[in-house]
PDB file of N, CA and C in Angstrom:
ATOM      1  N   MET A   1      -5.901 -20.173  13.382  1.00  0.00           N
ATOM      2  CA  MET A   1      -5.743 -20.226  11.986  1.00  0.00           C
ATOM      3  C   MET A   1      -5.669 -18.738  11.455  1.00  0.00           C
ATOM      4  N   GLN A   2      -6.455 -17.892  12.122  1.00  0.00           N
ATOM      5  CA  GLN A   2      -6.452 -16.501  11.655  1.00  0.00           C
ATOM      6  C   GLN A   2      -5.180 -15.840  11.810  1.00  0.00           C
ATOM      7  N   TRP A   3      -4.503 -16.029  12.884  1.00  0.00           N
ATOM      8  CA  TRP A   3      -3.154 -15.508  13.130  1.00  0.00           C
ATOM      9  C   TRP A   3      -2.208 -16.055  12.122  1.00  0.00           C
ATOM     10  N   LEU A   4      -2.305 -17.201  11.799  1.00  0.00           N
ATOM     11  CA  LEU A   4      -1.367 -17.864  10.750  1.00  0.00           C
ATOM     12  C   LEU A   4      -1.637 -17.177   9.378  1.00  0.00           C
ATOM     13  N   ALA A   5      -2.886 -16.939   8.969  1.00  0.00           N
ATOM     14  CA  ALA A   5      -3.197 -16.385   7.784  1.00  0.00           C
ATOM     15  C   ALA A   5      -2.590 -14.904   7.663  1.00  0.00           C
ATOM     16  N   ILE A   6      -2.778 -14.174   8.785  1.00  0.00           N
ATOM     17  CA  ILE A   6      -2.210 -12.791   8.789  1.00  0.00           C
ATOM     18  C   ILE A   6      -0.659 -12.798   8.653  1.00  0.00           C
ATOM     19  N   ALA A   7      -0.100 -13.708   9.475  1.00  0.00           N
ATOM     20  CA  ALA A   7       1.410 -13.815   9.505  1.00  0.00           C
ATOM     21  C   ALA A   7       1.972 -14.273   8.106  1.00  0.00           C
ATOM     22  N   LEU A   8       1.372 -15.207   7.473  1.00  0.00           N
ATOM     23  CA  LEU A   8       1.877 -15.621   6.140  1.00  0.00           C
ATOM     24  C   LEU A   8       1.564 -14.479   5.081  1.00  0.00           C
ATOM     25  N   GLY A   9       0.396 -13.880   5.088  1.00  0.00           N
ATOM     26  CA  GLY A   9       0.175 -12.790   4.247  1.00  0.00           C
ATOM     27  C   GLY A   9       1.140 -11.624   4.416  1.00  0.00           C
ATOM     28  N   GLY A  10       1.366 -11.239   5.698  1.00  0.00           N
ATOM     29  CA  GLY A  10       2.170 -10.177   6.097  1.00  0.00           C
ATOM     30  C   GLY A  10       3.640 -10.400   5.635  1.00  0.00           C
ATOM     31  N   ALA A  11       4.081 -11.613   5.844  1.00  0.00           N
ATOM     32  CA  ALA A  11       5.426 -11.986   5.367  1.00  0.00           C
ATOM     33  C   ALA A  11       5.600 -11.814   3.861  1.00  0.00           C
ATOM     34  N   LEU A  12       4.616 -12.227   3.155  1.00  0.00           N
ATOM     35  CA  LEU A  12       4.678 -12.225   1.681  1.00  0.00           C
ATOM     36  C   LEU A  12       4.520 -10.704   1.209  1.00  0.00           C
ATOM     37  N   GLY A  13       3.643  -9.956   1.846  1.00  0.00           N
ATOM     38  CA  GLY A  13       3.509  -8.609   1.528  1.00  0.00           C
ATOM     39  C   GLY A  13       4.780  -7.797   1.751  1.00  0.00           C
ATOM     40  N   SER A  14       5.445  -8.061   2.902  1.00  0.00           N
ATOM     41  CA  SER A  14       6.647  -7.368   3.185  1.00  0.00           C
ATOM     42  C   SER A  14       7.789  -7.709   2.221  1.00  0.00           C
ATOM     43  N   VAL A  15       7.868  -8.877   1.846  1.00  0.00           N
ATOM     44  CA  VAL A  15       8.857  -9.261   0.871  1.00  0.00           C
ATOM     45  C   VAL A  15       8.632  -8.644  -0.554  1.00  0.00           C
ATOM     46  N   LEU A  16       7.340  -8.560  -0.912  1.00  0.00           N
ATOM     47  CA  LEU A  16       7.018  -7.929  -2.137  1.00  0.00           C
ATOM     48  C   LEU A  16       7.272  -6.397  -2.095  1.00  0.00           C
ATOM     49  N   ARG A  17       7.051  -5.798  -0.876  1.00  0.00           N
ATOM     50  CA  ARG A  17       7.240  -4.369  -0.792  1.00  0.00           C
ATOM     51  C   ARG A  17       8.739  -4.085  -0.841  1.00  0.00           C
ATOM     52  N   PHE A  18       9.527  -4.870  -0.191  1.00  0.00           N
ATOM     53  CA  PHE A  18      10.964  -4.826  -0.214  1.00  0.00           C
ATOM     54  C   PHE A  18      11.541  -4.813  -1.720  1.00  0.00           C
ATOM     55  N   ALA A  19      11.036  -5.790  -2.360  1.00  0.00           N
ATOM     56  CA  ALA A  19      11.460  -6.050  -3.793  1.00  0.00           C
ATOM     57  C   ALA A  19      11.065  -4.821  -4.636  1.00  0.00           C
ATOM     58  N   ALA A  20       9.826  -4.403  -4.533  1.00  0.00           N
ATOM     59  CA  ALA A  20       9.345  -3.260  -5.270  1.00  0.00           C
ATOM     60  C   ALA A  20      10.027  -2.013  -5.012  1.00  0.00           C
ATOM     61  N   VAL A  21      10.193  -1.667  -3.710  1.00  0.00           N
ATOM     62  CA  VAL A  21      10.893  -0.478  -3.369  1.00  0.00           C
ATOM     63  C   VAL A  21      12.349  -0.513  -3.768  1.00  0.00           C
ATOM     64  N   GLY A  22      12.956  -1.605  -3.658  1.00  0.00           N
ATOM     65  CA  GLY A  22      14.374  -1.796  -4.015  1.00  0.00           C
ATOM     66  C   GLY A  22      14.561  -1.572  -5.621  1.00  0.00           C
ATOM     67  N   TYR A  23      13.550  -2.004  -6.372  1.00  0.00           N
ATOM     68  CA  TYR A  23      13.624  -1.865  -7.803  1.00  0.00           C
ATOM     69  C   TYR A  23      13.174  -0.390  -8.229  1.00  0.00           C
ATOM     70  N   LEU A  24      12.182   0.159  -7.630  1.00  0.00           N
ATOM     71  CA  LEU A  24      11.567   1.413  -8.051  1.00  0.00           C
ATOM     72  C   LEU A  24      12.371   2.627  -7.586  1.00  0.00           C
ATOM     73  N   THR A  25      12.819   2.679  -6.399  1.00  0.00           N
ATOM     74  CA  THR A  25      13.409   3.880  -5.880  1.00  0.00           C
ATOM     75  C   THR A  25      14.621   4.398  -6.655  1.00  0.00           C
ATOM     76  N   PRO A  26      15.499   3.489  -7.170  1.00  0.00           N
ATOM     77  CA  PRO A  26      16.590   4.064  -7.939  1.00  0.00           C
ATOM     78  C   PRO A  26      16.285   4.636  -9.255  1.00  0.00           C
ATOM     79  N   LEU A  27      15.041   4.371  -9.688  1.00  0.00           N
ATOM     80  CA  LEU A  27      14.621   4.914 -11.052  1.00  0.00           C
ATOM     81  C   LEU A  27      14.653   6.405 -11.056  1.00  0.00           C
ATOM     82  N   LEU A  28      14.329   7.019 -10.033  1.00  0.00           N
ATOM     83  CA  LEU A  28      14.295   8.548  -9.964  1.00  0.00           C
ATOM     84  C   LEU A  28      15.285   9.160  -9.091  1.00  0.00           C
ATOM     85  N   ASN A  29      16.155   8.473  -8.536  1.00  0.00           N
ATOM     86  CA  ASN A  29      17.221   8.787  -7.587  1.00  0.00           C
ATOM     87  C   ASN A  29      16.592   8.761  -6.127  1.00  0.00           C
ATOM     88  N   TYR A  30      17.458   8.991  -5.158  1.00  0.00           N
ATOM     89  CA  TYR A  30      17.098   8.838  -3.769  1.00  0.00           C
ATOM     90  C   TYR A  30      16.562  10.144  -3.130  1.00  0.00           C
ATOM     91  N   ARG A  31      16.307  11.201  -3.866  1.00  0.00           N
ATOM     92  CA  ARG A  31      15.776  12.386  -3.222  1.00  0.00           C
ATOM     93  C   ARG A  31      14.244  12.372  -3.099  1.00  0.00           C
ATOM     94  N   PHE A  32      13.544  11.411  -3.726  1.00  0.00           N
ATOM     95  CA  PHE A  32      12.146  11.252  -3.574  1.00  0.00           C
ATOM     96  C   PHE A  32      11.904   9.683  -3.378  1.00  0.00           C
ATOM     97  N   PRO A  33      11.286   9.333  -2.295  1.00  0.00           N
ATOM     98  CA  PRO A  33      10.972   7.889  -2.035  1.00  0.00           C
ATOM     99  C   PRO A  33       9.932   7.308  -3.069  1.00  0.00           C
ATOM    100  N   PHE A  34      10.401   7.165  -4.316  1.00  0.00           N
ATOM    101  CA  PHE A  34       9.414   6.758  -5.394  1.00  0.00           C
ATOM    102  C   PHE A  34       8.870   5.358  -5.135  1.00  0.00           C
ATOM    103  N   GLY A  35       9.727   4.465  -4.649  1.00  0.00           N
ATOM    104  CA  GLY A  35       9.284   3.006  -4.481  1.00  0.00           C
ATOM    105  C   GLY A  35       8.143   3.002  -3.406  1.00  0.00           C
ATOM    106  N   THR A  36       8.316   3.590  -2.188  1.00  0.00           N
ATOM    107  CA  THR A  36       7.288   3.504  -1.275  1.00  0.00           C
ATOM    108  C   THR A  36       5.987   4.199  -1.798  1.00  0.00           C
ATOM    109  N   PHE A  37       6.161   5.370  -2.510  1.00  0.00           N
ATOM    110  CA  PHE A  37       5.063   6.053  -3.023  1.00  0.00           C
ATOM    111  C   PHE A  37       4.235   5.128  -3.968  1.00  0.00           C
ATOM    112  N   VAL A  38       4.889   4.500  -4.884  1.00  0.00           N
ATOM    113  CA  VAL A  38       4.217   3.587  -5.846  1.00  0.00           C
ATOM    114  C   VAL A  38       3.540   2.416  -5.082  1.00  0.00           C
ATOM    115  N   VAL A  39       4.307   1.900  -4.153  1.00  0.00           N
ATOM    116  CA  VAL A  39       3.737   0.672  -3.386  1.00  0.00           C
ATOM    117  C   VAL A  39       2.408   1.116  -2.703  1.00  0.00           C
ATOM    118  N   ASN A  40       2.485   2.306  -2.022  1.00  0.00           N
ATOM    119  CA  ASN A  40       1.276   2.726  -1.250  1.00  0.00           C
ATOM    120  C   ASN A  40       0.119   3.062  -2.108  1.00  0.00           C
ATOM    121  N   ILE A  41       0.350   3.687  -3.352  1.00  0.00           N
ATOM    122  CA  ILE A  41      -0.723   3.962  -4.285  1.00  0.00           C
ATOM    123  C   ILE A  41      -1.318   2.669  -4.889  1.00  0.00           C
ATOM    124  N   VAL A  42      -0.438   1.732  -5.298  1.00  0.00           N
ATOM    125  CA  VAL A  42      -0.889   0.518  -5.911  1.00  0.00           C
ATOM    126  C   VAL A  42      -1.685  -0.278  -4.735  1.00  0.00           C
ATOM    127  N   GLY A  43      -1.084  -0.326  -3.584  1.00  0.00           N
ATOM    128  CA  GLY A  43      -1.697  -1.026  -2.533  1.00  0.00           C
ATOM    129  C   GLY A  43      -2.999  -0.552  -2.185  1.00  0.00           C
ATOM    130  N   SER A  44      -3.169   0.763  -2.211  1.00  0.00           N
ATOM    131  CA  SER A  44      -4.471   1.398  -1.887  1.00  0.00           C
ATOM    132  C   SER A  44      -5.527   1.010  -2.916  1.00  0.00           C
ATOM    133  N   PHE A  45      -5.168   0.933  -4.205  1.00  0.00           N
ATOM    134  CA  PHE A  45      -6.015   0.463  -5.302  1.00  0.00           C
ATOM    135  C   PHE A  45      -6.402  -1.012  -4.999  1.00  0.00           C
ATOM    136  N   LEU A  46      -5.385  -1.863  -4.728  1.00  0.00           N
ATOM    137  CA  LEU A  46      -5.633  -3.266  -4.514  1.00  0.00           C
ATOM    138  C   LEU A  46      -6.539  -3.526  -3.291  1.00  0.00           C
ATOM    139  N   ILE A  47      -6.273  -2.823  -2.205  1.00  0.00           N
ATOM    140  CA  ILE A  47      -7.164  -2.975  -1.023  1.00  0.00           C
ATOM    141  C   ILE A  47      -8.601  -2.611  -1.286  1.00  0.00           C
ATOM    142  N   GLY A  48      -8.832  -1.581  -2.175  1.00  0.00           N
ATOM    143  CA  GLY A  48     -10.186  -1.333  -2.508  1.00  0.00           C
ATOM    144  C   GLY A  48     -10.850  -2.438  -3.217  1.00  0.00           C
ATOM    145  N   MET A  49     -10.077  -2.985  -4.161  1.00  0.00           N
ATOM    146  CA  MET A  49     -10.583  -4.158  -4.914  1.00  0.00           C
ATOM    147  C   MET A  49     -10.893  -5.348  -4.083  1.00  0.00           C
ATOM    148  N   ALA A  50      -9.912  -5.608  -3.169  1.00  0.00           N
ATOM    149  CA  ALA A  50      -9.947  -6.794  -2.319  1.00  0.00           C
ATOM    150  C   ALA A  50     -11.116  -6.672  -1.340  1.00  0.00           C
ATOM    151  N   TYR A  51     -11.345  -5.432  -0.875  1.00  0.00           N
ATOM    152  CA  TYR A  51     -12.509  -5.293   0.019  1.00  0.00           C
ATOM    153  C   TYR A  51     -13.846  -5.594  -0.702  1.00  0.00           C
ATOM    154  N   VAL A  52     -14.033  -5.108  -1.916  1.00  0.00           N
ATOM    155  CA  VAL A  52     -15.285  -5.415  -2.692  1.00  0.00           C
ATOM    156  C   VAL A  52     -15.338  -6.890  -2.932  1.00  0.00           C
ATOM    157  N   LEU A  53     -14.310  -7.518  -3.431  1.00  0.00           N
ATOM    158  CA  LEU A  53     -14.258  -8.898  -3.796  1.00  0.00           C
ATOM    159  C   LEU A  53     -14.470  -9.818  -2.608  1.00  0.00           C
ATOM    160  N   LEU A  54     -13.748  -9.588  -1.492  1.00  0.00           N
ATOM    161  CA  LEU A  54     -13.710 -10.484  -0.455  1.00  0.00           C
ATOM    162  C   LEU A  54     -14.687 -10.246   0.742  1.00  0.00           C
ATOM    163  N   VAL A  55     -15.195  -8.980   0.810  1.00  0.00           N
ATOM    164  CA  VAL A  55     -16.133  -8.640   1.866  1.00  0.00           C
ATOM    165  C   VAL A  55     -17.527  -8.325   1.425  1.00  0.00           C
ATOM    166  N   GLU A  56     -17.615  -7.528   0.336  1.00  0.00           N
ATOM    167  CA  GLU A  56     -18.962  -7.153  -0.202  1.00  0.00           C
ATOM    168  C   GLU A  56     -19.573  -8.234  -1.092  1.00  0.00           C
ATOM    169  N   LYS A  57     -18.743  -8.789  -2.056  1.00  0.00           N
ATOM    170  CA  LYS A  57     -19.310  -9.608  -3.075  1.00  0.00           C
ATOM    171  C   LYS A  57     -19.273 -11.129  -2.780  1.00  0.00           C
ATOM    172  N   ALA A  58     -18.387 -11.570  -1.983  1.00  0.00           N
ATOM    173  CA  ALA A  58     -18.127 -12.998  -1.850  1.00  0.00           C
ATOM    174  C   ALA A  58     -18.341 -13.445  -0.366  1.00  0.00           C
ATOM    175  N   THR A  59     -18.759 -14.566  -0.116  1.00  0.00           N
ATOM    176  CA  THR A  59     -18.741 -15.165   1.173  1.00  0.00           C
ATOM    177  C   THR A  59     -17.550 -16.126   1.259  1.00  0.00           C
ATOM    178  N   VAL A  60     -16.521 -15.614   1.832  1.00  0.00           N
ATOM    179  CA  VAL A  60     -15.248 -16.451   1.921  1.00  0.00           C
ATOM    180  C   VAL A  60     -14.935 -16.449   3.382  1.00  0.00           C
ATOM    181  N   PRO A  61     -14.201 -17.481   3.777  1.00  0.00           N
ATOM    182  CA  PRO A  61     -13.839 -17.619   5.217  1.00  0.00           C
ATOM    183  C   PRO A  61     -12.976 -16.396   5.597  1.00  0.00           C
ATOM    184  N   ALA A  62     -13.099 -16.077   6.887  1.00  0.00           N
ATOM    185  CA  ALA A  62     -12.401 -14.960   7.395  1.00  0.00           C
ATOM    186  C   ALA A  62     -10.932 -15.041   7.185  1.00  0.00           C
ATOM    187  N   GLU A  63     -10.368 -16.201   7.184  1.00  0.00           N
ATOM    188  CA  GLU A  63      -8.918 -16.439   6.943  1.00  0.00           C
ATOM    189  C   GLU A  63      -8.402 -15.861   5.653  1.00  0.00           C
ATOM    190  N   TYR A  64      -9.232 -16.023   4.579  1.00  0.00           N
ATOM    191  CA  TYR A  64      -8.946 -15.499   3.343  1.00  0.00           C
ATOM    192  C   TYR A  64      -8.895 -13.965   3.292  1.00  0.00           C
ATOM    193  N   ARG A  65      -9.916 -13.279   3.984  1.00  0.00           N
ATOM    194  CA  ARG A  65      -9.891 -11.871   4.041  1.00  0.00           C
ATOM    195  C   ARG A  65      -8.696 -11.407   4.864  1.00  0.00           C
ATOM    196  N   LEU A  66      -8.461 -12.155   5.957  1.00  0.00           N
ATOM    197  CA  LEU A  66      -7.291 -11.718   6.811  1.00  0.00           C
ATOM    198  C   LEU A  66      -5.974 -11.855   6.129  1.00  0.00           C
ATOM    199  N   PHE A  67      -5.840 -12.971   5.295  1.00  0.00           N
ATOM    200  CA  PHE A  67      -4.567 -13.147   4.551  1.00  0.00           C
ATOM    201  C   PHE A  67      -4.357 -12.036   3.568  1.00  0.00           C
ATOM    202  N   PHE A  68      -5.383 -11.751   2.723  1.00  0.00           N
ATOM    203  CA  PHE A  68      -5.257 -10.810   1.636  1.00  0.00           C
ATOM    204  C   PHE A  68      -5.212  -9.282   2.114  1.00  0.00           C
ATOM    205  N   ILE A  69      -6.272  -8.918   2.945  1.00  0.00           N
ATOM    206  CA  ILE A  69      -6.289  -7.519   3.344  1.00  0.00           C
ATOM    207  C   ILE A  69      -5.383  -7.169   4.425  1.00  0.00           C
ATOM    208  N   THR A  70      -5.539  -7.838   5.577  1.00  0.00           N
ATOM    209  CA  THR A  70      -4.715  -7.498   6.725  1.00  0.00           C
ATOM    210  C   THR A  70      -3.247  -7.937   6.525  1.00  0.00           C
ATOM    211  N   GLY A  71      -3.018  -9.103   6.044  1.00  0.00           N
ATOM    212  CA  GLY A  71      -1.635  -9.611   5.898  1.00  0.00           C
ATOM    213  C   GLY A  71      -0.951  -9.138   4.728  1.00  0.00           C
ATOM    214  N   LEU A  72      -1.353  -9.581   3.526  1.00  0.00           N
ATOM    215  CA  LEU A  72      -0.665  -9.235   2.310  1.00  0.00           C
ATOM    216  C   LEU A  72      -0.615  -7.770   1.963  1.00  0.00           C
ATOM    217  N   LEU A  73      -1.837  -7.107   1.983  1.00  0.00           N
ATOM    218  CA  LEU A  73      -1.786  -5.760   1.569  1.00  0.00           C
ATOM    219  C   LEU A  73      -1.295  -4.897   2.732  1.00  0.00           C
ATOM    220  N   GLY A  74      -1.666  -5.292   3.949  1.00  0.00           N
ATOM    221  CA  GLY A  74      -1.067  -4.629   5.126  1.00  0.00           C
ATOM    222  C   GLY A  74       0.504  -4.573   5.223  1.00  0.00           C
ATOM    223  N   GLY A  75       1.020  -5.786   4.807  1.00  0.00           N
ATOM    224  CA  GLY A  75       2.483  -5.894   4.818  1.00  0.00           C
ATOM    225  C   GLY A  75       3.096  -5.239   3.586  1.00  0.00           C
ATOM    226  N   PHE A  76       2.422  -5.176   2.531  1.00  0.00           N
ATOM    227  CA  PHE A  76       2.867  -4.527   1.304  1.00  0.00           C
ATOM    228  C   PHE A  76       2.886  -3.059   1.379  1.00  0.00           C
ATOM    229  N   THR A  77       1.813  -2.465   1.885  1.00  0.00           N
ATOM    230  CA  THR A  77       1.865  -0.985   2.097  1.00  0.00           C
ATOM    231  C   THR A  77       2.434  -0.681   3.430  1.00  0.00           C
ATOM    232  N   THR A  78       2.927   0.561   3.612  1.00  0.00           N
ATOM    233  CA  THR A  78       3.516   0.896   4.853  1.00  0.00           C
ATOM    234  C   THR A  78       3.403   2.281   5.272  1.00  0.00           C
ATOM    235  N   PHE A  79       2.744   2.598   6.316  1.00  0.00           N
ATOM    236  CA  PHE A  79       2.663   3.992   6.783  1.00  0.00           C
ATOM    237  C   PHE A  79       3.867   4.384   7.558  1.00  0.00           C
ATOM    238  N   SER A  80       4.495   3.419   8.211  1.00  0.00           N
ATOM    239  CA  SER A  80       5.608   3.815   9.125  1.00  0.00           C
ATOM    240  C   SER A  80       6.806   4.160   8.211  1.00  0.00           C
ATOM    241  N   ALA A  81       7.137   3.531   7.132  1.00  0.00           N
ATOM    242  CA  ALA A  81       8.225   4.016   6.278  1.00  0.00           C
ATOM    243  C   ALA A  81       7.817   5.187   5.707  1.00  0.00           C
ATOM    244  N   PHE A  82       6.633   5.392   5.297  1.00  0.00           N
ATOM    245  CA  PHE A  82       6.090   6.693   4.738  1.00  0.00           C
ATOM    246  C   PHE A  82       6.448   7.844   5.634  1.00  0.00           C
ATOM    247  N   SER A  83       6.018   7.686   6.878  1.00  0.00           N
ATOM    248  CA  SER A  83       6.270   8.797   7.925  1.00  0.00           C
ATOM    249  C   SER A  83       7.783   9.031   8.016  1.00  0.00           C
ATOM    250  N   LEU A  84       8.599   8.028   8.124  1.00  0.00           N
ATOM    251  CA  LEU A  84       9.988   8.210   8.387  1.00  0.00           C
ATOM    252  C   LEU A  84      10.589   8.939   7.141  1.00  0.00           C
ATOM    253  N   GLU A  85      10.165   8.548   5.969  1.00  0.00           N
ATOM    254  CA  GLU A  85      10.805   9.181   4.705  1.00  0.00           C
ATOM    255  C   GLU A  85      10.411  10.664   4.615  1.00  0.00           C
ATOM    256  N   ILE A  86       9.233  10.941   5.059  1.00  0.00           N
ATOM    257  CA  ILE A  86       8.860  12.383   5.042  1.00  0.00           C
ATOM    258  C   ILE A  86       9.666  13.168   5.975  1.00  0.00           C
ATOM    259  N   LEU A  87       9.878  12.607   7.260  1.00  0.00           N
ATOM    260  CA  LEU A  87      10.786  13.347   8.212  1.00  0.00           C
ATOM    261  C   LEU A  87      12.167  13.442   7.699  1.00  0.00           C
ATOM    262  N   GLN A  88      12.721  12.329   7.054  1.00  0.00           N
ATOM    263  CA  GLN A  88      14.012  12.427   6.528  1.00  0.00           C
ATOM    264  C   GLN A  88      14.170  13.513   5.435  1.00  0.00           C
ATOM    265  N   LEU A  89      13.249  13.573   4.511  1.00  0.00           N
ATOM    266  CA  LEU A  89      13.237  14.555   3.465  1.00  0.00           C
ATOM    267  C   LEU A  89      13.283  15.986   4.111  1.00  0.00           C
ATOM    268  N   TRP A  90      12.414  16.130   5.081  1.00  0.00           N
ATOM    269  CA  TRP A  90      12.400  17.458   5.729  1.00  0.00           C
ATOM    270  C   TRP A  90      13.627  17.785   6.404  1.00  0.00           C
ATOM    271  N   GLN A  91      14.191  16.891   7.197  1.00  0.00           N
ATOM    272  CA  GLN A  91      15.461  17.138   7.855  1.00  0.00           C
ATOM    273  C   GLN A  91      16.679  17.416   6.925  1.00  0.00           C
ATOM    274  N   GLU A  92      16.581  16.849   5.766  1.00  0.00           N
ATOM    275  CA  GLU A  92      17.681  16.962   4.834  1.00  0.00           C
ATOM    276  C   GLU A  92      17.515  18.269   3.991  1.00  0.00           C
ATOM    277  N   GLY A  93      16.458  19.010   4.275  1.00  0.00           N
ATOM    278  CA  GLY A  93      16.223  20.324   3.605  1.00  0.00           C
ATOM    279  C   GLY A  93      15.371  20.221   2.338  1.00  0.00           C
ATOM    280  N   HIS A  94      14.777  19.085   2.099  1.00  0.00           N
ATOM    281  CA  HIS A  94      13.942  18.897   0.950  1.00  0.00           C
ATOM    282  C   HIS A  94      12.514  19.040   1.305  1.00  0.00           C
ATOM    283  N   VAL A  95      12.153  20.229   1.854  1.00  0.00           N
ATOM    284  CA  VAL A  95      10.870  20.487   2.402  1.00  0.00           C
ATOM    285  C   VAL A  95       9.764  20.358   1.372  1.00  0.00           C
ATOM    286  N   PHE A  96       9.956  20.911   0.199  1.00  0.00           N
ATOM    287  CA  PHE A  96       8.986  20.827  -0.857  1.00  0.00           C
ATOM    288  C   PHE A  96       8.716  19.408  -1.238  1.00  0.00           C
ATOM    289  N   ASN A  97       9.734  18.613  -1.421  1.00  0.00           N
ATOM    290  CA  ASN A  97       9.567  17.120  -1.776  1.00  0.00           C
ATOM    291  C   ASN A  97       8.805  16.503  -0.564  1.00  0.00           C
ATOM    292  N   ALA A  98       9.077  16.777   0.675  1.00  0.00           N
ATOM    293  CA  ALA A  98       8.337  16.161   1.710  1.00  0.00           C
ATOM    294  C   ALA A  98       6.883  16.527   1.715  1.00  0.00           C
ATOM    295  N   LEU A  99       6.567  17.731   1.404  1.00  0.00           N
ATOM    296  CA  LEU A  99       5.133  18.117   1.354  1.00  0.00           C
ATOM    297  C   LEU A  99       4.371  17.581   0.260  1.00  0.00           C
ATOM    298  N   VAL A 100       5.094  17.446  -0.920  1.00  0.00           N
ATOM    299  CA  VAL A 100       4.518  16.840  -2.128  1.00  0.00           C
ATOM    300  C   VAL A 100       4.241  15.376  -1.893  1.00  0.00           C
ATOM    301  N   TYR A 101       5.190  14.716  -1.383  1.00  0.00           N
ATOM    302  CA  TYR A 101       5.145  13.281  -1.029  1.00  0.00           C
ATOM    303  C   TYR A 101       3.999  12.978  -0.114  1.00  0.00           C
ATOM    304  N   ALA A 102       3.896  13.769   0.951  1.00  0.00           N
ATOM    305  CA  ALA A 102       2.925  13.570   1.939  1.00  0.00           C
ATOM    306  C   ALA A 102       1.524  13.769   1.402  1.00  0.00           C
ATOM    307  N   SER A 103       1.308  14.917   0.819  1.00  0.00           N
ATOM    308  CA  SER A 103       0.030  15.336   0.343  1.00  0.00           C
ATOM    309  C   SER A 103      -0.451  14.361  -0.825  1.00  0.00           C
ATOM    310  N   SER A 104       0.505  14.077  -1.858  1.00  0.00           N
ATOM    311  CA  SER A 104       0.055  13.351  -2.965  1.00  0.00           C
ATOM    312  C   SER A 104      -0.167  11.940  -2.609  1.00  0.00           C
ATOM    313  N   SER A 105       0.570  11.382  -1.620  1.00  0.00           N
ATOM    314  CA  SER A 105       0.300  10.003  -1.195  1.00  0.00           C
ATOM    315  C   SER A 105      -0.969   9.861  -0.578  1.00  0.00           C
ATOM    316  N   VAL A 106      -1.414  10.832   0.330  1.00  0.00           N
ATOM    317  CA  VAL A 106      -2.710  10.686   0.920  1.00  0.00           C
ATOM    318  C   VAL A 106      -3.829  10.879  -0.078  1.00  0.00           C
ATOM    319  N   ILE A 107      -3.775  11.937  -0.814  1.00  0.00           N
ATOM    320  CA  ILE A 107      -4.737  12.164  -1.802  1.00  0.00           C
ATOM    321  C   ILE A 107      -4.948  11.057  -2.832  1.00  0.00           C
ATOM    322  N   LEU A 108      -3.809  10.660  -3.425  1.00  0.00           N
ATOM    323  CA  LEU A 108      -3.935   9.587  -4.505  1.00  0.00           C
ATOM    324  C   LEU A 108      -4.190   8.232  -3.897  1.00  0.00           C
ATOM    325  N   GLY A 109      -3.771   8.015  -2.591  1.00  0.00           N
ATOM    326  CA  GLY A 109      -4.109   6.776  -1.952  1.00  0.00           C
ATOM    327  C   GLY A 109      -5.580   6.648  -1.746  1.00  0.00           C
ATOM    328  N   LEU A 110      -6.231   7.723  -1.213  1.00  0.00           N
ATOM    329  CA  LEU A 110      -7.696   7.692  -1.084  1.00  0.00           C
ATOM    330  C   LEU A 110      -8.430   7.577  -2.378  1.00  0.00           C
ATOM    331  N   LEU A 111      -7.942   8.285  -3.418  1.00  0.00           N
ATOM    332  CA  LEU A 111      -8.510   8.231  -4.757  1.00  0.00           C
ATOM    333  C   LEU A 111      -8.424   6.852  -5.298  1.00  0.00           C
ATOM    334  N   MET A 112      -7.224   6.175  -5.144  1.00  0.00           N
ATOM    335  CA  MET A 112      -7.124   4.856  -5.756  1.00  0.00           C
ATOM    336  C   MET A 112      -7.858   3.806  -4.930  1.00  0.00           C
ATOM    337  N   ALA A 113      -8.022   3.954  -3.681  1.00  0.00           N
ATOM    338  CA  ALA A 113      -8.917   3.071  -3.027  1.00  0.00           C
ATOM    339  C   ALA A 113     -10.360   3.159  -3.426  1.00  0.00           C
ATOM    340  N   PHE A 114     -10.797   4.365  -3.673  1.00  0.00           N
ATOM    341  CA  PHE A 114     -12.149   4.705  -4.207  1.00  0.00           C
ATOM    342  C   PHE A 114     -12.260   4.125  -5.574  1.00  0.00           C
ATOM    343  N   VAL A 115     -11.305   4.294  -6.486  1.00  0.00           N
ATOM    344  CA  VAL A 115     -11.336   3.842  -7.837  1.00  0.00           C
ATOM    345  C   VAL A 115     -11.441   2.257  -7.811  1.00  0.00           C
ATOM    346  N   GLY A 116     -10.521   1.746  -6.943  1.00  0.00           N
ATOM    347  CA  GLY A 116     -10.545   0.254  -6.907  1.00  0.00           C
ATOM    348  C   GLY A 116     -11.826  -0.402  -6.432  1.00  0.00           C
ATOM    349  N   MET A 117     -12.467   0.293  -5.447  1.00  0.00           N
ATOM    350  CA  MET A 117     -13.790  -0.187  -5.006  1.00  0.00           C
ATOM    351  C   MET A 117     -14.893   0.017  -6.087  1.00  0.00           C
ATOM    352  N   ALA A 118     -14.888   1.144  -6.669  1.00  0.00           N
ATOM    353  CA  ALA A 118     -15.918   1.515  -7.691  1.00  0.00           C
ATOM    354  C   ALA A 118     -15.801   0.616  -8.921  1.00  0.00           C
ATOM    355  N   LEU A 119     -14.496   0.459  -9.392  1.00  0.00           N
ATOM    356  CA  LEU A 119     -14.320  -0.358 -10.554  1.00  0.00           C
ATOM    357  C   LEU A 119     -14.744  -1.845 -10.267  1.00  0.00           C
ATOM    358  N   THR A 120     -14.338  -2.324  -9.154  1.00  0.00           N
ATOM    359  CA  THR A 120     -14.631  -3.684  -8.847  1.00  0.00           C
ATOM    360  C   THR A 120     -16.081  -3.898  -8.574  1.00  0.00           C
ATOM    361  N   GLN A 121     -16.807  -2.963  -7.959  1.00  0.00           N
ATOM    362  CA  GLN A 121     -18.252  -3.055  -7.842  1.00  0.00           C
ATOM    363  C   GLN A 121     -18.950  -3.172  -9.197  1.00  0.00           C
ATOM    364  N   LYS A 122     -18.479  -2.420 -10.149  1.00  0.00           N
ATOM    365  CA  LYS A 122     -19.068  -2.457 -11.457  1.00  0.00           C
ATOM    366  C   LYS A 122     -18.789  -3.638 -12.250  1.00  0.00           C
ATOM    367  N   LEU A 123     -17.616  -4.205 -12.035  1.00  0.00           N
ATOM    368  CA  LEU A 123     -17.244  -5.501 -12.782  1.00  0.00           C
ATOM    369  C   LEU A 123     -17.810  -6.699 -12.144  1.00  0.00           C
ATOM    370  N   PHE A 124     -17.996  -6.713 -10.801  1.00  0.00           N
ATOM    371  CA  PHE A 124     -18.519  -7.859 -10.154  1.00  0.00           C
ATOM    372  C   PHE A 124     -19.834  -7.555  -9.544  1.00  0.00           C
TER     373      PHE A 124
END
């Protein structure tokens, strides 16, 4: 049952990521991977919240945690696309954009995971 929870959550998360990236990326043009950036930052915030709600504060079956954290949010955020986009920016001569994208994604991702956890701990 755990494998099914991860698979279903991962499929849903991947479809949500595809839709979000497809909608957001054209907003600023294709020189900066805005869609993946937003997805990873929002996903980092949500995973912080989910961890507090599903692991620290609630006693829920493992399948729920695996569905939301490993499956849904793991499928929604993506480090592999992030890495590829940085390399593509670099190879296309957009070195500054590649460095800004890499550093801001890591820093804001960590910050948003922390904020998500802290906010959720205070609320619940």
